[in-house]
Amino acid sequence: MRISQHVGFTRYGEALADNSLDLVLGLGAGIAIAAGFGWRRSRALENDWQRGVIAMLSVVGALIMAFLAVPFWHFFRFIGLVFWTLVCLALGFAGSTWAVRGGGKREAGSGPE
């Protein structure tokens, strides 16, 4: 997979291996963060199965966003990734606002706050 390979990069004067761990570690961090946020955002649900499904859907969304970042890196390098990060943050804030608004008004004693 050419996406995961660094070509000709060096770190501290030593060449990196062809299969760098940077991509794997970044993807793993994205998966962990997405699962954590999905679980936390669905805390109003009492059913752990539904919370788990929402967390896994968050992971799938994170993977899709990671694959969509490849063209931004390929064509625009670092500036493209900065732009893609800002777009993802804007979508995340909009989705979070939508989720909170969709939760409706809570009455006293109606569940976790």
Protein backbone atom coordinates (compact mmCIF):
# COMPACT_ATOMS: atom_id res chain seq x y z
CA MET A 1 0.00 0.00 0.00
CA ARG A 2 1.82 3.11 -1.22
CA ILE A 3 -0.27 5.41 0.99
CA SER A 4 1.41 4.08 4.13
CA GLN A 5 4.97 4.39 2.83
CA HIS A 6 7.35 7.28 3.33
CA VAL A 7 9.64 7.83 0.37
CA GLY A 8 13.03 9.32 1.11
CA PHE A 9 12.16 10.82 4.49
CA THR A 10 14.75 10.86 7.21
CA ARG A 11 14.44 11.45 10.91
CA TYR A 12 17.48 12.52 12.92
CA GLY A 13 19.73 11.61 10.01
CA GLU A 14 18.48 8.02 9.71
CA ALA A 15 16.19 6.79 6.96
CA LEU A 16 12.77 5.61 7.98
CA ALA A 17 11.62 2.12 7.11
CA ASP A 18 9.35 1.76 4.11
CA ASN A 19 6.37 0.89 6.31
CA SER A 20 6.21 3.67 8.88
CA LEU A 21 4.11 3.38 12.01
CA ASP A 22 2.94 6.99 11.75
CA LEU A 23 -0.14 6.07 9.74
CA VAL A 24 -1.05 3.13 11.98
CA LEU A 25 -0.66 5.17 15.17
CA GLY A 26 -2.66 8.08 13.78
CA LEU A 27 -5.43 5.80 12.59
CA GLY A 28 -5.49 3.98 15.94
CA ALA A 29 -5.74 7.28 17.80
CA GLY A 30 -8.59 8.40 15.53
CA ILE A 31 -10.45 5.15 16.12
CA ALA A 32 -10.03 5.40 19.90
CA ILE A 33 -11.14 9.03 20.01
CA ALA A 34 -14.16 8.36 17.77
CA ALA A 35 -15.27 5.40 19.87
CA GLY A 36 -14.87 7.40 23.08
CA PHE A 37 -16.84 10.36 21.78
CA GLY A 38 -19.56 8.11 20.35
CA TRP A 39 -19.91 6.33 23.69
CA ARG A 40 -19.93 9.59 25.64
CA ARG A 41 -22.41 11.35 23.35
CA SER A 42 -24.87 8.46 23.67
CA ARG A 43 -24.78 8.35 27.48
CA ALA A 44 -28.46 9.33 27.66
CA LEU A 45 -29.33 5.87 26.29
CA GLU A 46 -29.85 3.22 28.92
CA ASN A 47 -29.16 0.31 26.57
CA ASP A 48 -25.44 -0.44 26.36
CA TRP A 49 -25.95 -2.31 23.08
CA GLN A 50 -27.27 0.85 21.41
CA ARG A 51 -24.41 2.89 22.87
CA GLY A 52 -21.94 0.37 21.47
CA VAL A 53 -23.53 0.55 18.03
CA ILE A 54 -23.29 4.34 18.07
CA ALA A 55 -19.64 4.13 19.13
CA MET A 56 -18.90 1.71 16.27
CA LEU A 57 -20.68 3.98 13.79
CA SER A 58 -18.44 6.78 15.02
CA VAL A 59 -15.42 4.60 14.26
CA VAL A 60 -16.71 3.92 10.74
CA GLY A 61 -17.17 7.67 10.25
CA ALA A 62 -13.61 8.29 11.43
CA LEU A 63 -12.28 5.71 8.96
CA ILE A 64 -14.21 7.30 6.11
CA MET A 65 -12.83 10.72 7.04
CA ALA A 66 -9.31 9.27 7.15
CA PHE A 67 -9.64 7.81 3.66
CA LEU A 68 -11.08 11.08 2.36
CA ALA A 69 -8.01 12.88 3.74
CA VAL A 70 -5.70 11.04 1.32
CA PRO A 71 -6.49 13.24 -1.72
CA PHE A 72 -6.02 16.39 0.39
CA TRP A 73 -2.54 15.17 1.34
CA HIS A 74 -1.72 14.01 -2.16
CA PHE A 75 -2.62 17.26 -3.90
CA PHE A 76 -2.06 19.96 -1.25
CA ARG A 77 0.25 18.34 1.35
CA PHE A 78 0.22 19.95 4.81
CA ILE A 79 -2.07 22.87 3.89
CA GLY A 80 -4.62 20.40 2.53
CA LEU A 81 -4.60 18.45 5.79
CA VAL A 82 -5.04 21.66 7.78
CA PHE A 83 -8.03 22.53 5.60
CA TRP A 84 -9.47 19.02 5.98
CA THR A 85 -9.00 19.20 9.76
CA LEU A 86 -10.92 22.48 9.90
CA VAL A 87 -13.71 21.00 7.78
CA CYS A 88 -13.91 17.94 10.05
CA LEU A 89 -14.00 20.12 13.17
CA ALA A 90 -16.79 22.25 11.71
CA LEU A 91 -18.78 19.13 10.82
CA GLY A 92 -18.15 17.72 14.30
CA PHE A 93 -19.38 20.85 16.05
CA ALA A 94 -22.44 21.03 13.78
CA GLY A 95 -23.24 17.37 14.43
CA SER A 96 -22.77 17.79 18.16
CA THR A 97 -25.11 20.79 18.22
CA TRP A 98 -27.65 18.85 16.19
CA ALA A 99 -27.44 15.88 18.59
CA VAL A 100 -27.92 18.06 21.66
CA ARG A 101 -30.83 19.90 20.07
CA GLY A 102 -32.38 16.58 19.01
CA GLY A 103 -32.24 15.37 22.61
CA GLY A 104 -35.02 17.80 23.50
CA LYS A 105 -35.63 19.53 26.80
CA ARG A 106 -35.10 17.46 29.92
CA GLU A 107 -37.27 17.59 32.96
CA ALA A 108 -35.90 17.27 36.49
CA GLY A 109 -35.16 13.64 37.27
CA SER A 110 -35.61 12.43 33.68
CA GLY A 111 -32.15 10.92 33.33
CA PRO A 112 -28.45 11.68 33.21
CA GLU A 113 -27.44 15.25 32.56
